[in-house]
Amino acid sequence: MGLVVGLALLALGWFAVGPWVFALLLVALLVPVTRRRLRPNRWALGGVLALVVAATVTVVLLPDGRLPIPPGGGLLVTSSYDGHAVEPQPIALDVPQQPGLAPNGRSSMHDDSWATHSYQGPGPLGKAPEVTTSWYGLEECATLAFDPDGRLVALCGNRSGPVMHVLDPETMRPLKTLDLPDRKKSDKKPWEDLCGGAYFYLDAQGRAVVATTDRQVWTVDSRDLQVLDKVDLGDVVPDDDCLVALLPDWDGNTWYVTQDGRVGVAGGAQRTGDPTRSAAPLSLGGEIANSIAADDTGVYLVTTEALVKVALAEHRQPAVVWQTTYDSGTRKKPGQLSAGSGTTPTVLPSGLVAITDNADPQMHVQFYDSRDGHLVCQAPVFGKGESASDNSLVAVGDASVVVENNYGYQAPWTTLVGRATAGGLARVDADPDTGECTVGWQSDEIAPSSVAKVSLATGLVYAYTMRPSWWGVTAWYLTAIDARTGQTAFSVRTGTGTLFNNHYSAVTLGSDGSAYVATLGGMVRVRDQD
């Protein structure tokens, strides 16, 4: 029985204080009496083995989403809730509804055609917040949207490739599943591979439009995940390239971008005379590793070399409206999935388009004129030698954005045993009249790879954060930051350990004010109980 008791105490110690319990175990094993008492017999070994087998069979047989994400250690040495409940302080931001997309806040990772990362609806206010989780094994649903019935549509990735789920918004259990083509062999690490599995959008009819790993564009009924249409781009996109992102323009044309810097329109007789064949794309040079944005005058994208605006010319062929180079730096910094800018362009009501560059020793938040592409102003952010971003900006005003610092985050193991990245978030404000940019505030919160969002109804920016810990415990939090002042309102612990790492997945706000975050182990939901 000594071994069983010892293992039980070890487990309790792990959940209580985390990795330091193993140091205590090593010290205890130096004592001969302890070693004798922990010497196993066949009955103890058999019992432990039976327990492991039973747990394994239960996990394998139960469908995804039936169990919570397994907790990590250190629950007693990390705070479960900091800060206090707040009252809403709404922000005014007018983002037009794109006619080809599902309603704003429900259509894609970036929430609308302008990629503002904003919601008109509420988010948590910190009033007795409740955390629930759902375990999918090693599968992350990085991109979420909401179908016409309010269910979550999730584009997820596992070890073999992408899969699409329809999830119950209450339980987060999969209701329908569609296996997409498997990931192709690549020299990129799985967590850096953006080919056909990172982005999709819901159109105005609530259909999911997704790029696949074999260079096709699928249209899928989001209610039952039946494939309604396929457009094969294999004739115009070579085998050694892949589709990264899709978005319709204001006229309903589906634009796509590829990893090797191509941009084009998928299918359509109005472009080629053949409804099954697509026109040849533009080749812009550089690489593309981010999504795209669109307003009623064109489509905006960023390569590793330039910010570009494209549109269909009079003869219905893709054409460059303007192209402006930026300081792309000399390297891919730690914390980036690609060299150059790590942001999807964000269109603002002031007529500006915002991105980050990749300059050394500090990156800049830059604002460009959407009409002709000239640089209006820029502001350096974060510390010298430790600034990089691979997530899009959050619009918090007509000419104001929030940027996060991802410098130092290279893979899930970057944050193991309580280690933290450089961190920081900042608000940058542009004045189109004077051509000046200023840093409104800077927060020390650490969001290693969060895709933050803002609730315009509450005035809070929601980021997924962690903290350094000498206990060796990595605790993850949904953190709410006042968009006006940069002060942290509250932080809610979602869990501890690697399975709670969001790894570049977005915060997503539901119509009821719930905040959803996909993690390496499944889904997390935070909502107010009061």
Protein backbone atom coordinates (compact mmCIF):
# COMPACT_ATOMS: atom_id res chain seq x y z
CA MET A 1 0.00 0.00 0.00
CA GLY A 2 2.99 2.31 0.40
CA LEU A 3 3.34 2.80 -3.34
CA VAL A 4 -0.37 3.59 -3.78
CA VAL A 5 -0.33 6.09 -0.93
CA GLY A 6 2.86 7.62 -2.29
CA LEU A 7 1.39 8.02 -5.77
CA ALA A 8 -1.77 9.53 -4.33
CA LEU A 9 0.24 12.05 -2.31
CA LEU A 10 2.37 12.81 -5.36
CA ALA A 11 -0.74 13.52 -7.44
CA LEU A 12 -2.23 15.74 -4.75
CA GLY A 13 1.05 17.58 -4.41
CA TRP A 14 1.26 18.08 -8.18
CA PHE A 15 -2.20 19.59 -8.38
CA ALA A 16 -1.48 21.76 -5.36
CA VAL A 17 1.99 23.18 -6.01
CA GLY A 18 3.10 21.88 -9.39
CA PRO A 19 6.61 20.72 -10.42
CA TRP A 20 8.25 21.43 -7.05
CA VAL A 21 6.59 18.31 -5.69
CA PHE A 22 9.03 16.23 -7.74
CA ALA A 23 11.95 17.95 -6.02
CA LEU A 24 10.40 16.99 -2.68
CA LEU A 25 10.03 13.43 -3.93
CA LEU A 26 13.71 13.25 -4.83
CA VAL A 27 14.65 14.49 -1.38
CA ALA A 28 12.33 11.94 0.21
CA LEU A 29 13.86 9.11 -1.82
CA LEU A 30 17.24 9.88 -0.26
CA VAL A 31 15.83 8.50 2.99
CA PRO A 32 16.16 4.66 3.14
CA VAL A 33 12.92 4.21 5.10
CA THR A 34 10.97 6.05 2.40
CA ARG A 35 12.45 3.89 -0.34
CA ARG A 36 11.50 0.73 1.55
CA ARG A 37 7.92 1.86 2.08
CA LEU A 38 7.52 2.83 -1.56
CA ARG A 39 8.90 -0.46 -2.87
CA PRO A 40 6.07 -1.86 -5.00
CA ASN A 41 4.52 -5.31 -4.79
CA ARG A 42 2.63 -7.06 -7.57
CA TRP A 43 -0.79 -6.16 -6.13
CA ALA A 44 0.04 -2.47 -5.98
CA LEU A 45 1.51 -2.52 -9.49
CA GLY A 46 -1.54 -4.37 -10.77
CA GLY A 47 -3.90 -1.85 -9.21
CA VAL A 48 -2.04 1.11 -10.65
CA LEU A 49 -1.92 -0.53 -14.09
CA ALA A 50 -5.65 -1.29 -13.97
CA LEU A 51 -6.39 2.32 -13.07
CA VAL A 52 -4.29 3.59 -15.99
CA VAL A 53 -5.97 1.18 -18.43
CA ALA A 54 -9.45 2.15 -17.21
CA ALA A 55 -8.68 5.84 -17.59
CA THR A 56 -7.25 5.29 -21.09
CA VAL A 57 -10.25 3.25 -22.25
CA THR A 58 -12.64 5.89 -20.89
CA VAL A 59 -10.85 8.67 -22.76
CA VAL A 60 -10.74 6.68 -26.02
CA LEU A 61 -14.36 5.53 -25.94
CA LEU A 62 -15.98 8.78 -24.86
CA PRO A 63 -16.73 11.17 -27.75
CA ASP A 64 -14.82 14.45 -27.98
CA GLY A 65 -16.13 17.15 -25.69
CA ARG A 66 -17.58 14.86 -23.00
CA LEU A 67 -14.73 15.47 -20.58
CA PRO A 68 -13.16 18.72 -19.35
CA ILE A 69 -9.62 19.60 -20.33
CA PRO A 70 -7.33 17.80 -17.85
CA PRO A 71 -6.03 20.32 -15.31
CA GLY A 72 -2.34 20.94 -14.87
CA GLY A 73 -0.56 21.34 -11.57
CA GLY A 74 -0.15 24.31 -9.26
CA LEU A 75 -3.76 25.23 -8.62
CA LEU A 76 -3.04 26.39 -5.06
CA VAL A 77 -0.06 28.59 -5.94
CA THR A 78 -1.71 30.54 -8.76
CA SER A 79 -4.52 33.04 -8.41
CA SER A 80 -7.92 31.99 -9.74
CA TYR A 81 -9.27 35.55 -10.04
CA ASP A 82 -7.72 39.00 -9.81
CA GLY A 83 -9.31 42.41 -10.10
CA HIS A 84 -12.98 43.25 -9.76
CA ALA A 85 -16.21 43.39 -11.69
CA VAL A 86 -16.72 46.50 -13.81
CA GLU A 87 -19.57 48.39 -15.39
CA PRO A 88 -19.80 48.78 -19.18
CA GLN A 89 -18.20 51.85 -20.77
CA PRO A 90 -19.24 51.56 -24.43
CA ILE A 91 -17.02 52.57 -27.34
CA ALA A 92 -18.38 54.03 -30.57
CA LEU A 93 -17.03 52.34 -33.70
CA ASP A 94 -19.09 52.12 -36.88
CA VAL A 95 -18.11 49.12 -39.01
CA PRO A 96 -20.29 48.59 -42.11
CA GLN A 97 -21.80 45.20 -42.82
CA GLN A 98 -20.20 43.53 -45.81
CA PRO A 99 -23.04 42.22 -48.03
CA GLY A 100 -21.28 38.94 -48.78
CA LEU A 101 -20.53 37.97 -45.18
CA ALA A 102 -22.49 36.72 -42.20
CA PRO A 103 -23.29 39.46 -39.63
CA ASN A 104 -20.34 41.30 -38.14
CA GLY A 105 -18.90 39.46 -35.17
CA ARG A 106 -20.14 36.11 -36.46
CA SER A 107 -18.39 35.60 -39.79
CA SER A 108 -14.69 34.86 -39.22
CA MET A 109 -11.64 34.99 -36.94
CA HIS A 110 -11.28 38.72 -37.65
CA ASP A 111 -15.01 39.34 -37.05
CA ASP A 112 -15.79 41.51 -40.09
CA SER A 113 -14.55 42.46 -43.54
CA TRP A 114 -12.43 45.29 -42.11
CA ALA A 115 -10.67 42.86 -39.71
CA THR A 116 -11.34 45.13 -36.74
CA HIS A 117 -11.57 42.34 -34.12
CA SER A 118 -14.52 44.18 -32.60
CA TYR A 119 -17.94 43.09 -31.38
CA GLN A 120 -20.98 45.29 -30.97
CA GLY A 121 -22.22 42.90 -28.30
CA PRO A 122 -21.03 42.31 -24.72
CA GLY A 123 -18.22 40.32 -23.16
CA PRO A 124 -17.64 39.21 -19.57
CA LEU A 125 -17.65 41.96 -16.93
CA GLY A 126 -15.98 39.88 -14.22
CA LYS A 127 -19.18 39.28 -12.25
CA ALA A 128 -18.63 35.88 -10.58
CA PRO A 129 -17.14 34.47 -13.78
CA GLU A 130 -17.62 30.78 -14.51
CA VAL A 131 -15.07 28.74 -16.48
CA THR A 132 -16.08 25.58 -18.35
CA THR A 133 -13.92 23.49 -20.66
CA SER A 134 -14.31 20.74 -23.23
CA TRP A 135 -11.53 18.32 -24.18
CA TYR A 136 -10.91 17.21 -27.78
CA GLY A 137 -7.57 15.51 -27.27
CA LEU A 138 -4.67 17.14 -29.13
CA GLU A 139 -6.80 19.29 -31.41
CA GLU A 140 -7.02 23.07 -31.60
CA CYS A 141 -9.92 24.99 -33.14
CA ALA A 142 -8.13 28.22 -33.95
CA THR A 143 -10.86 29.84 -36.07
CA LEU A 144 -14.46 30.17 -34.84
CA ALA A 145 -17.65 31.68 -36.26
CA PHE A 146 -21.38 31.43 -35.50
CA ASP A 147 -23.94 29.88 -37.83
CA PRO A 148 -27.48 31.32 -38.25
CA ASP A 149 -28.69 29.14 -35.37
CA GLY A 150 -26.05 30.49 -32.98
CA ARG A 151 -23.91 27.36 -32.98
CA LEU A 152 -20.14 27.56 -33.18
CA VAL A 153 -18.52 26.62 -36.49
CA ALA A 154 -14.92 25.65 -35.81
CA LEU A 155 -11.98 25.05 -38.13
CA CYS A 156 -9.62 22.84 -36.15
CA GLY A 157 -6.29 21.15 -36.64
CA ASN A 158 -5.03 17.83 -35.37
CA ARG A 159 -1.91 15.81 -36.11
CA SER A 160 -3.05 14.79 -39.60
CA GLY A 161 -4.68 17.98 -40.80
CA PRO A 162 -7.73 20.25 -40.64
CA VAL A 163 -11.23 19.27 -39.59
CA MET A 164 -14.43 21.33 -39.29
CA HIS A 165 -16.91 20.97 -36.44
CA VAL A 166 -20.28 22.41 -35.52
CA LEU A 167 -20.20 22.87 -31.74
CA ASP A 168 -22.97 23.29 -29.20
CA PRO A 169 -22.36 26.78 -27.73
CA GLU A 170 -23.37 25.61 -24.23
CA THR A 171 -21.49 22.32 -23.89
CA MET A 172 -18.91 22.94 -26.67
CA ARG A 173 -19.43 19.34 -27.77
CA PRO A 174 -19.13 18.58 -31.49
CA LEU A 175 -22.52 18.06 -33.14
CA LYS A 176 -21.31 17.57 -36.72
CA THR A 177 -17.85 16.90 -38.13
CA LEU A 178 -16.34 17.23 -41.61
CA ASP A 179 -12.87 15.86 -42.31
CA LEU A 180 -11.00 18.09 -44.74
CA PRO A 181 -8.09 16.94 -46.93
CA ASP A 182 -5.03 15.97 -44.89
CA ARG A 183 -2.05 18.22 -44.43
CA LYS A 184 0.68 17.71 -47.01
CA LYS A 185 4.29 17.02 -46.10
CA SER A 186 6.07 20.27 -45.41
CA ASP A 187 9.36 21.55 -44.08
CA LYS A 188 7.35 23.75 -41.72
CA LYS A 189 6.52 22.62 -38.21
CA PRO A 190 2.83 21.67 -37.77
CA TRP A 191 2.18 24.71 -35.57
CA GLU A 192 3.70 27.00 -38.24
CA ASP A 193 1.89 25.49 -41.24
CA LEU A 194 -0.88 27.85 -42.40
CA CYS A 195 -1.70 25.98 -45.61
CA GLY A 196 -5.42 25.34 -45.93
CA GLY A 197 -6.41 25.10 -42.31
CA ALA A 198 -6.04 28.47 -40.66
CA TYR A 199 -8.87 30.64 -42.04
CA PHE A 200 -12.44 30.37 -43.29
CA TYR A 201 -15.49 32.64 -43.39
CA LEU A 202 -19.27 32.34 -43.28
CA ASP A 203 -21.05 34.01 -46.18
CA ALA A 204 -24.35 35.91 -46.06
CA GLN A 205 -26.28 32.62 -46.32
CA GLY A 206 -24.38 31.16 -43.39
CA ARG A 207 -22.32 28.82 -45.56
CA ALA A 208 -18.71 28.12 -44.62
CA VAL A 209 -16.18 28.91 -47.35
CA VAL A 210 -12.85 27.25 -46.63
CA ALA A 211 -9.53 26.73 -48.42
CA THR A 212 -8.26 23.16 -48.41
CA THR A 213 -4.74 21.77 -48.37
CA ASP A 214 -5.10 20.53 -51.98
CA ARG A 215 -5.76 24.03 -53.39
CA GLN A 216 -9.54 23.85 -53.53
CA VAL A 217 -12.21 26.21 -52.22
CA TRP A 218 -15.11 24.38 -50.60
CA THR A 219 -18.52 25.84 -49.81
CA VAL A 220 -20.10 23.95 -46.92
CA ASP A 221 -23.58 24.10 -45.40
CA SER A 222 -22.82 25.12 -41.82
CA ARG A 223 -25.93 23.41 -40.45
CA ASP A 224 -25.04 19.84 -41.47
CA LEU A 225 -21.52 20.30 -42.93
CA GLN A 226 -22.52 18.97 -46.34
CA VAL A 227 -20.19 20.10 -49.11
CA LEU A 228 -22.22 22.20 -51.57
CA ASP A 229 -19.55 23.29 -54.05
CA LYS A 230 -15.86 22.91 -54.87
CA VAL A 231 -13.64 25.20 -56.93
CA ASP A 232 -10.33 23.62 -57.91
CA LEU A 233 -7.47 26.13 -58.20
CA GLY A 234 -4.91 23.51 -59.17
CA ASP A 235 -4.70 24.93 -62.72
CA VAL A 236 -3.61 28.38 -61.51
CA VAL A 237 -1.86 27.66 -58.20
CA PRO A 238 1.17 25.34 -58.56
CA ASP A 239 1.75 22.21 -56.49
CA ASP A 240 4.50 23.80 -54.43
CA ASP A 241 2.22 26.65 -53.29
CA CYS A 242 -0.87 26.58 -51.07
CA LEU A 243 -3.95 28.61 -50.16
CA VAL A 244 -3.72 30.62 -46.96
CA ALA A 245 -6.85 32.79 -46.65
CA LEU A 246 -10.13 33.74 -48.36
CA LEU A 247 -12.53 36.70 -48.24
CA PRO A 248 -15.25 38.08 -50.52
CA ASP A 249 -15.17 41.63 -51.84
CA TRP A 250 -18.18 43.96 -51.80
CA ASP A 251 -19.36 42.50 -55.16
CA GLY A 252 -19.31 38.92 -53.91
CA ASN A 253 -16.10 37.76 -55.60
CA THR A 254 -14.13 35.30 -53.46
CA TRP A 255 -10.52 36.46 -53.21
CA TYR A 256 -7.74 34.13 -52.13
CA VAL A 257 -4.08 34.55 -51.22
CA THR A 258 -1.31 31.95 -51.32
CA GLN A 259 1.79 31.34 -49.27
CA ASP A 260 4.09 32.25 -52.19
CA GLY A 261 2.55 35.68 -52.70
CA ARG A 262 -0.22 35.05 -55.22
CA VAL A 263 -3.62 36.76 -55.06
CA GLY A 264 -6.63 35.99 -57.22
CA VAL A 265 -10.35 35.34 -57.47
CA ALA A 266 -11.75 31.82 -57.21
CA GLY A 267 -13.98 30.61 -60.07
CA GLY A 268 -16.72 32.41 -61.96
CA ALA A 269 -17.83 32.70 -65.57
CA GLN A 270 -17.72 36.49 -65.38
CA ARG A 271 -13.93 36.29 -65.16
CA THR A 272 -12.97 33.48 -67.54
CA GLY A 273 -16.07 32.55 -69.50
CA ASP A 274 -15.91 29.14 -67.84
CA PRO A 275 -17.71 28.74 -64.48
CA THR A 276 -15.34 25.91 -63.48
CA ARG A 277 -12.10 27.74 -64.20
CA SER A 278 -10.47 30.65 -62.37
CA ALA A 279 -8.45 33.49 -63.86
CA ALA A 280 -4.69 33.48 -63.32
CA PRO A 281 -3.69 35.20 -60.07
CA LEU A 282 -1.30 38.09 -59.60
CA SER A 283 2.16 37.24 -58.34
CA LEU A 284 3.21 39.92 -55.87
CA GLY A 285 6.55 38.60 -54.66
CA GLY A 286 7.37 37.78 -51.09
CA GLU A 287 5.27 35.47 -48.95
CA ILE A 288 1.81 35.81 -47.44
CA ALA A 289 1.11 34.36 -44.00
CA ASN A 290 -1.88 36.41 -42.87
CA SER A 291 -5.50 36.88 -43.80
CA ILE A 292 -6.96 39.74 -45.86
CA ALA A 293 -9.39 42.62 -45.36
CA ALA A 294 -11.80 44.38 -47.72
CA ASP A 295 -13.84 47.56 -47.98
CA ASP A 296 -16.10 48.76 -50.79
CA THR A 297 -13.11 49.95 -52.83
CA GLY A 298 -10.82 46.91 -52.77
CA VAL A 299 -9.00 44.16 -50.90
CA TYR A 300 -6.02 44.73 -48.59
CA LEU A 301 -3.23 42.25 -47.91
CA VAL A 302 0.28 42.29 -46.53
CA THR A 303 3.21 40.32 -47.91
CA THR A 304 6.59 39.93 -46.27
CA GLU A 305 7.64 43.02 -48.25
CA ALA A 306 4.68 45.34 -48.82
CA LEU A 307 1.16 46.43 -47.95
CA VAL A 308 -0.96 45.99 -51.08
CA LYS A 309 -4.44 47.00 -52.23
CA VAL A 310 -5.98 45.03 -55.10
CA ALA A 311 -9.27 45.11 -57.00
CA LEU A 312 -10.81 43.76 -60.17
CA ALA A 313 -9.94 45.87 -63.20
CA GLU A 314 -12.41 46.74 -65.95
CA HIS A 315 -11.64 43.52 -67.80
CA ARG A 316 -12.41 41.58 -64.59
CA GLN A 317 -8.79 40.62 -63.92
CA PRO A 318 -7.10 41.14 -60.52
CA ALA A 319 -5.01 44.30 -60.52
CA VAL A 320 -2.84 46.20 -58.03
CA VAL A 321 -4.41 49.52 -56.97
CA TRP A 322 -1.34 50.51 -54.95
CA GLN A 323 1.60 48.82 -53.28
CA THR A 324 3.71 50.32 -50.49
CA THR A 325 6.83 48.70 -49.06
CA TYR A 326 7.51 48.78 -45.33
CA ASP A 327 10.51 47.97 -43.14
CA SER A 328 10.36 44.18 -43.06
CA GLY A 329 13.51 43.84 -40.96
CA THR A 330 16.32 41.40 -41.55
CA ARG A 331 14.94 38.24 -39.94
CA LYS A 332 11.96 36.33 -38.71
CA LYS A 333 11.91 37.31 -35.06
CA PRO A 334 11.12 34.79 -32.31
CA GLY A 335 7.37 35.05 -31.93
CA GLN A 336 6.57 35.21 -35.65
CA LEU A 337 5.30 32.52 -38.01
CA SER A 338 6.85 34.36 -40.96
CA ALA A 339 9.18 37.24 -41.69
CA GLY A 340 7.85 40.76 -42.21
CA SER A 341 4.59 42.04 -40.79
CA GLY A 342 2.61 39.56 -38.73
CA THR A 343 -0.71 41.39 -39.00
CA THR A 344 -3.74 41.19 -41.23
CA PRO A 345 -4.49 44.77 -42.40
CA THR A 346 -7.12 46.52 -40.29
CA VAL A 347 -9.36 49.06 -42.05
CA LEU A 348 -10.54 51.97 -39.90
CA PRO A 349 -13.50 54.40 -40.19
CA SER A 350 -11.05 57.32 -40.57
CA GLY A 351 -9.98 56.03 -43.98
CA LEU A 352 -6.74 54.55 -42.62
CA VAL A 353 -5.36 51.03 -42.87
CA ALA A 354 -3.18 49.80 -39.99
CA ILE A 355 -0.46 47.14 -39.82
CA THR A 356 2.78 46.55 -37.94
CA ASP A 357 6.17 46.49 -39.62
CA ASN A 358 9.11 44.32 -38.54
CA ALA A 359 11.74 47.00 -37.95
CA ASP A 360 14.70 46.70 -35.62
CA PRO A 361 15.33 47.51 -32.86
CA GLN A 362 11.60 48.28 -32.39
CA MET A 363 8.65 47.48 -34.56
CA HIS A 364 6.15 50.21 -35.43
CA VAL A 365 2.39 50.37 -35.65
CA GLN A 366 1.79 52.05 -39.00
CA PHE A 367 -1.22 53.84 -40.47
CA TYR A 368 -1.63 54.20 -44.25
CA ASP A 369 -4.11 56.17 -46.36
CA SER A 370 -6.50 53.63 -47.87
CA ARG A 371 -6.92 55.73 -51.02
CA ASP A 372 -3.32 55.90 -52.26
CA GLY A 373 -1.27 53.86 -49.79
CA HIS A 374 0.97 56.62 -48.45
CA LEU A 375 2.24 56.29 -44.88
CA VAL A 376 0.36 58.75 -42.65
CA CYS A 377 2.28 58.07 -39.42
CA GLN A 378 3.91 55.39 -37.31
CA ALA A 379 4.85 54.85 -33.67
CA PRO A 380 7.47 52.48 -32.16
CA VAL A 381 6.15 50.07 -29.54
CA PHE A 382 7.62 47.81 -26.82
CA GLY A 383 11.23 47.41 -25.80
CA LYS A 384 14.24 47.62 -28.06
CA GLY A 385 15.33 44.20 -29.23
CA GLU A 386 12.16 42.51 -27.94
CA SER A 387 9.24 43.58 -30.12
CA ALA A 388 7.36 41.44 -32.64
CA SER A 389 3.73 40.72 -33.42
CA ASP A 390 2.09 37.89 -35.29
CA ASN A 391 -1.50 38.77 -34.46
CA SER A 392 -3.77 41.40 -35.94
CA LEU A 393 -4.53 44.77 -34.45
CA VAL A 394 -7.71 45.52 -32.50
CA ALA A 395 -9.67 48.60 -33.56
CA VAL A 396 -10.75 50.61 -30.51
CA GLY A 397 -11.57 53.94 -32.22
CA ASP A 398 -11.86 55.63 -35.61
CA ALA A 399 -8.05 55.89 -35.78
CA SER A 400 -6.93 53.86 -32.76
CA VAL A 401 -5.72 50.28 -32.43
CA VAL A 402 -4.36 47.95 -29.75
CA VAL A 403 -1.29 45.85 -30.54
CA GLU A 404 0.18 42.95 -28.60
CA ASN A 405 3.79 41.84 -28.30
CA ASN A 406 4.46 38.20 -29.22
CA TYR A 407 8.25 38.45 -29.10
CA GLY A 408 9.85 35.29 -27.74
CA TYR A 409 6.96 32.86 -28.28
CA GLN A 410 8.27 30.17 -30.62
CA ALA A 411 6.31 27.04 -29.74
CA PRO A 412 4.14 25.61 -26.94
CA TRP A 413 7.21 24.65 -24.93
CA THR A 414 8.26 28.32 -24.76
CA THR A 415 5.90 28.80 -21.82
CA LEU A 416 6.59 25.53 -19.98
CA VAL A 417 7.36 25.51 -16.23
CA GLY A 418 6.25 29.08 -15.68
CA ARG A 419 8.49 30.74 -18.26
CA ALA A 420 7.11 33.89 -19.89
CA THR A 421 7.74 35.92 -23.02
CA ALA A 422 8.49 39.65 -23.21
CA GLY A 423 4.80 40.49 -23.37
CA GLY A 424 2.94 43.77 -23.41
CA LEU A 425 -0.01 45.39 -25.14
CA ALA A 426 -0.23 49.00 -26.30
CA ARG A 427 -2.78 51.41 -27.73
CA VAL A 428 -1.64 53.61 -30.62
CA ASP A 429 -3.67 56.61 -31.82
CA ALA A 430 -3.32 58.29 -35.21
CA ASP A 431 -4.35 61.81 -36.17
CA PRO A 432 -5.00 61.90 -39.94
CA ASP A 433 -5.10 65.72 -39.94
CA THR A 434 -1.69 66.29 -38.35
CA GLY A 435 -0.06 63.06 -39.52
CA GLU A 436 1.07 62.19 -36.00
CA CYS A 437 0.92 58.91 -34.09
CA THR A 438 1.09 58.60 -30.31
CA VAL A 439 1.16 55.68 -27.88
CA GLY A 440 -1.89 56.14 -25.67
CA TRP A 441 -1.01 53.51 -23.10
CA GLN A 442 1.04 50.37 -22.57
CA SER A 443 0.10 47.34 -20.46
CA ASP A 444 2.52 44.83 -18.95
CA GLU A 445 0.12 41.92 -19.43
CA ILE A 446 1.77 38.97 -21.20
CA ALA A 447 -0.20 37.51 -24.12
CA PRO A 448 2.28 35.14 -25.82
CA SER A 449 0.10 34.46 -28.88
CA SER A 450 -3.33 35.86 -28.10
CA VAL A 451 -5.63 37.13 -30.85
CA ALA A 452 -7.26 39.76 -28.67
CA LYS A 453 -10.75 41.18 -29.21
CA VAL A 454 -12.73 44.21 -28.03
CA SER A 455 -16.34 44.42 -26.92
CA LEU A 456 -17.66 47.82 -27.97
CA ALA A 457 -20.54 47.35 -25.53
CA THR A 458 -18.28 46.92 -22.49
CA GLY A 459 -15.25 48.96 -23.62
CA LEU A 460 -12.94 46.08 -22.67
CA VAL A 461 -10.19 44.41 -24.66
CA TYR A 462 -10.03 40.66 -23.97
CA ALA A 463 -6.66 38.92 -24.24
CA TYR A 464 -5.47 35.45 -23.33
CA THR A 465 -2.55 35.85 -20.96
CA MET A 466 -0.12 34.05 -18.65
CA ARG A 467 2.35 35.04 -15.93
CA PRO A 468 5.89 34.04 -15.01
CA SER A 469 6.05 31.80 -11.95
CA TRP A 470 8.99 30.67 -9.84
CA TRP A 471 6.77 27.76 -8.80
CA GLY A 472 7.23 26.47 -12.35
CA VAL A 473 3.48 26.67 -12.98
CA THR A 474 2.09 28.09 -16.22
CA ALA A 475 -1.38 29.47 -15.50
CA TRP A 476 -3.54 30.88 -18.29
CA TYR A 477 -6.05 33.70 -17.91
CA LEU A 478 -8.75 35.53 -19.80
CA THR A 479 -7.76 39.13 -19.04
CA ALA A 480 -9.95 42.19 -19.57
CA ILE A 481 -8.20 45.52 -20.18
CA ASP A 482 -9.88 48.93 -20.24
CA ALA A 483 -9.57 50.08 -23.85
CA ARG A 484 -9.41 53.74 -22.78
CA THR A 485 -6.80 53.57 -20.02
CA GLY A 486 -4.95 50.29 -20.44
CA GLN A 487 -5.68 49.31 -16.84
CA THR A 488 -6.40 45.64 -16.21
CA ALA A 489 -9.97 45.23 -14.98
CA PHE A 490 -9.82 41.55 -14.07
CA SER A 491 -8.17 38.22 -14.92
CA VAL A 492 -9.90 34.84 -14.71
CA ARG A 493 -7.78 31.69 -14.57
CA THR A 494 -8.92 29.21 -17.20
CA GLY A 495 -6.46 26.47 -16.29
CA THR A 496 -2.82 25.51 -15.87
CA GLY A 497 -0.46 23.61 -18.12
CA THR A 498 0.21 23.21 -21.84
CA LEU A 499 -3.27 21.94 -22.71
CA PHE A 500 -4.60 25.42 -21.83
CA ASN A 501 -2.17 27.20 -24.17
CA ASN A 502 -4.18 28.93 -26.93
CA HIS A 503 -1.25 28.89 -29.42
CA TYR A 504 -2.38 31.67 -31.80
CA SER A 505 -6.10 30.94 -31.57
CA ALA A 506 -8.48 33.87 -31.15
CA VAL A 507 -10.67 35.07 -28.33
CA THR A 508 -14.25 34.84 -29.61
CA LEU A 509 -17.25 36.58 -28.02
CA GLY A 510 -20.73 35.07 -28.20
CA SER A 511 -23.98 37.00 -28.40
CA ASP A 512 -24.68 36.18 -24.72
CA GLY A 513 -21.40 37.75 -23.59
CA SER A 514 -19.47 34.48 -23.28
CA ALA A 515 -15.80 34.46 -24.23
CA TYR A 516 -14.53 31.35 -26.02
CA VAL A 517 -10.87 30.43 -26.44
CA ALA A 518 -9.58 27.38 -28.29
CA THR A 519 -6.56 25.73 -26.69
CA LEU A 520 -4.23 22.86 -27.55
CA GLY A 521 -6.55 20.56 -25.60
CA GLY A 522 -10.01 21.78 -26.61
CA MET A 523 -12.26 24.72 -25.83
CA VAL A 524 -12.59 27.11 -22.89
CA ARG A 525 -15.62 29.26 -22.12
CA VAL A 526 -15.76 32.14 -19.62
CA ARG A 527 -19.04 33.85 -18.76
CA ASP A 528 -20.53 35.92 -15.97
CA GLN A 529 -22.87 34.15 -13.59
CA ASP A 530 -24.45 37.33 -12.18
